[in-house]
């Protein structure tokens, strides 16, 4: 009997924009992150990006991914939410 496949996806937010992240483009960044994350996966957000981008993308991924983690070079992994019942 095979168990569920464990999928951890890492999204580097600095790869979603060029030179300067623009608040006016937040919806585009959110859509890119949703596509990269897939459905029901565990996702790590990392990379240089403004806090409003992290917050917007975290909100957009809620209900779409099982678990969300922020990976900081200073603090390490910080769990944002975990909807895995196990």
C-alpha atoms as a PDB file:
ATOM      1  CA  UNK A   1       0.000   0.000   0.000  1.00  0.00           C
ATOM      2  CA  UNK A   2       1.419   3.354  -1.057  1.00  0.00           C
ATOM      3  CA  UNK A   3       1.088   6.454   1.142  1.00  0.00           C
ATOM      4  CA  UNK A   4       0.362   9.964  -0.011  1.00  0.00           C
ATOM      5  CA  UNK A   5       3.165  11.576  -1.941  1.00  0.00           C
ATOM      6  CA  UNK A   6       4.968  14.225   0.112  1.00  0.00           C
ATOM      7  CA  UNK A   7       5.527  17.368  -1.966  1.00  0.00           C
ATOM      8  CA  UNK A   8       7.445  20.368  -0.616  1.00  0.00           C
ATOM      9  CA  UNK A   9       7.681  23.323  -2.982  1.00  0.00           C
ATOM     10  CA  UNK A  10       9.979  26.295  -2.449  1.00  0.00           C
ATOM     11  CA  UNK A  11       9.030  29.623  -3.983  1.00  0.00           C
ATOM     12  CA  UNK A  12      11.724  32.312  -4.112  1.00  0.00           C
ATOM     13  CA  UNK A  13       9.686  35.509  -4.171  1.00  0.00           C
ATOM     14  CA  UNK A  14      12.573  37.502  -5.646  1.00  0.00           C
ATOM     15  CA  UNK A  15      12.052  35.519  -8.847  1.00  0.00           C
ATOM     16  CA  UNK A  16       8.505  36.838  -9.292  1.00  0.00           C
ATOM     17  CA  UNK A  17       9.576  40.390 -10.165  1.00  0.00           C
ATOM     18  CA  UNK A  18      12.405  42.231 -11.907  1.00  0.00           C
ATOM     19  CA  UNK A  19      14.412  45.017 -10.253  1.00  0.00           C
ATOM     20  CA  UNK A  20      11.588  46.416  -8.075  1.00  0.00           C
ATOM     21  CA  UNK A  21       8.413  44.779  -6.758  1.00  0.00           C
ATOM     22  CA  UNK A  22       5.388  46.990  -7.368  1.00  0.00           C
ATOM     23  CA  UNK A  23       2.313  46.952  -5.151  1.00  0.00           C
ATOM     24  CA  UNK A  24       0.226  47.524  -8.280  1.00  0.00           C
ATOM     25  CA  UNK A  25       1.420  44.096  -9.514  1.00  0.00           C
ATOM     26  CA  UNK A  26       0.525  42.177  -6.336  1.00  0.00           C
ATOM     27  CA  UNK A  27      -2.311  40.264  -8.018  1.00  0.00           C
ATOM     28  CA  UNK A  28       0.122  39.040 -10.684  1.00  0.00           C
ATOM     29  CA  UNK A  29       2.623  37.913  -8.028  1.00  0.00           C
ATOM     30  CA  UNK A  30      -0.151  36.098  -6.167  1.00  0.00           C
ATOM     31  CA  UNK A  31      -1.259  34.278  -9.316  1.00  0.00           C
ATOM     32  CA  UNK A  32       2.315  33.227 -10.099  1.00  0.00           C
ATOM     33  CA  UNK A  33       2.757  31.881  -6.565  1.00  0.00           C
ATOM     34  CA  UNK A  34      -0.557  29.979  -6.720  1.00  0.00           C
ATOM     35  CA  UNK A  35       0.546  28.297  -9.950  1.00  0.00           C
ATOM     36  CA  UNK A  36       3.984  27.425  -8.567  1.00  0.00           C
ATOM     37  CA  UNK A  37       2.538  26.097  -5.298  1.00  0.00           C
ATOM     38  CA  UNK A  38      -0.052  23.754  -6.786  1.00  0.00           C
ATOM     39  CA  UNK A  39      -2.931  22.340  -4.745  1.00  0.00           C
ATOM     40  CA  UNK A  40      -2.526  20.683  -1.345  1.00  0.00           C
ATOM     41  CA  UNK A  41       1.267  20.888  -1.220  1.00  0.00           C
ATOM     42  CA  UNK A  42       3.566  22.107   1.506  1.00  0.00           C
ATOM     43  CA  UNK A  43       5.165  25.402   0.485  1.00  0.00           C
ATOM     44  CA  UNK A  44       8.183  27.400   1.645  1.00  0.00           C
ATOM     45  CA  UNK A  45       8.339  31.114   0.833  1.00  0.00           C
ATOM     46  CA  UNK A  46      11.803  32.640   0.750  1.00  0.00           C
ATOM     47  CA  UNK A  47      13.835  35.313  -1.012  1.00  0.00           C
ATOM     48  CA  UNK A  48      14.191  39.070  -0.964  1.00  0.00           C
ATOM     49  CA  UNK A  49      10.773  40.701  -1.248  1.00  0.00           C
ATOM     50  CA  UNK A  50       8.771  43.396   0.524  1.00  0.00           C
ATOM     51  CA  UNK A  51       6.682  42.352   3.522  1.00  0.00           C
ATOM     52  CA  UNK A  52       3.435  43.306   1.730  1.00  0.00           C
ATOM     53  CA  UNK A  53       4.289  40.729  -0.961  1.00  0.00           C
ATOM     54  CA  UNK A  54       4.858  37.986   1.633  1.00  0.00           C
ATOM     55  CA  UNK A  55       1.570  38.843   3.359  1.00  0.00           C
ATOM     56  CA  UNK A  56      -0.439  39.019   0.134  1.00  0.00           C
ATOM     57  CA  UNK A  57       0.932  35.724  -1.157  1.00  0.00           C
ATOM     58  CA  UNK A  58       0.420  33.988   2.194  1.00  0.00           C
ATOM     59  CA  UNK A  59      -3.209  35.118   2.134  1.00  0.00           C
ATOM     60  CA  UNK A  60      -3.620  33.971  -1.486  1.00  0.00           C
ATOM     61  CA  UNK A  61      -2.210  30.507  -0.663  1.00  0.00           C
ATOM     62  CA  UNK A  62      -4.442  29.965   2.376  1.00  0.00           C
ATOM     63  CA  UNK A  63      -6.953  27.253   1.525  1.00  0.00           C
ATOM     64  CA  UNK A  64      -4.875  26.123  -1.459  1.00  0.00           C
ATOM     65  CA  UNK A  65      -1.824  24.610   0.232  1.00  0.00           C
ATOM     66  CA  UNK A  66      -1.627  22.270   3.200  1.00  0.00           C
ATOM     67  CA  UNK A  67       1.221  24.004   5.009  1.00  0.00           C
ATOM     68  CA  UNK A  68       3.048  27.298   4.556  1.00  0.00           C
ATOM     69  CA  UNK A  69       6.502  28.127   5.918  1.00  0.00           C
ATOM     70  CA  UNK A  70       8.536  31.338   5.777  1.00  0.00           C
ATOM     71  CA  UNK A  71      12.265  30.621   5.457  1.00  0.00           C
ATOM     72  CA  UNK A  72      14.386  33.396   6.947  1.00  0.00           C
ATOM     73  CA  UNK A  73      18.166  33.517   6.724  1.00  0.00           C
ATOM     74  CA  UNK A  74      18.157  34.865  10.298  1.00  0.00           C
ATOM     75  CA  UNK A  75      15.560  32.745  12.125  1.00  0.00           C
ATOM     76  CA  UNK A  76      15.316  29.689   9.887  1.00  0.00           C
ATOM     77  CA  UNK A  77      11.900  28.191   9.140  1.00  0.00           C
ATOM     78  CA  UNK A  78       8.819  29.840  10.642  1.00  0.00           C
ATOM     79  CA  UNK A  79       5.524  28.005  10.184  1.00  0.00           C
ATOM     80  CA  UNK A  80       2.755  30.363   9.036  1.00  0.00           C
ATOM     81  CA  UNK A  81      -0.045  27.802   8.941  1.00  0.00           C
ATOM     82  CA  UNK A  82      -0.465  24.036   8.931  1.00  0.00           C
ATOM     83  CA  UNK A  83      -3.717  22.401   7.900  1.00  0.00           C
ATOM     84  CA  UNK A  84      -2.377  18.847   7.889  1.00  0.00           C
ATOM     85  CA  UNK A  85      -4.616  16.830  10.223  1.00  0.00           C
ATOM     86  CA  UNK A  86      -1.743  14.423  10.934  1.00  0.00           C
END
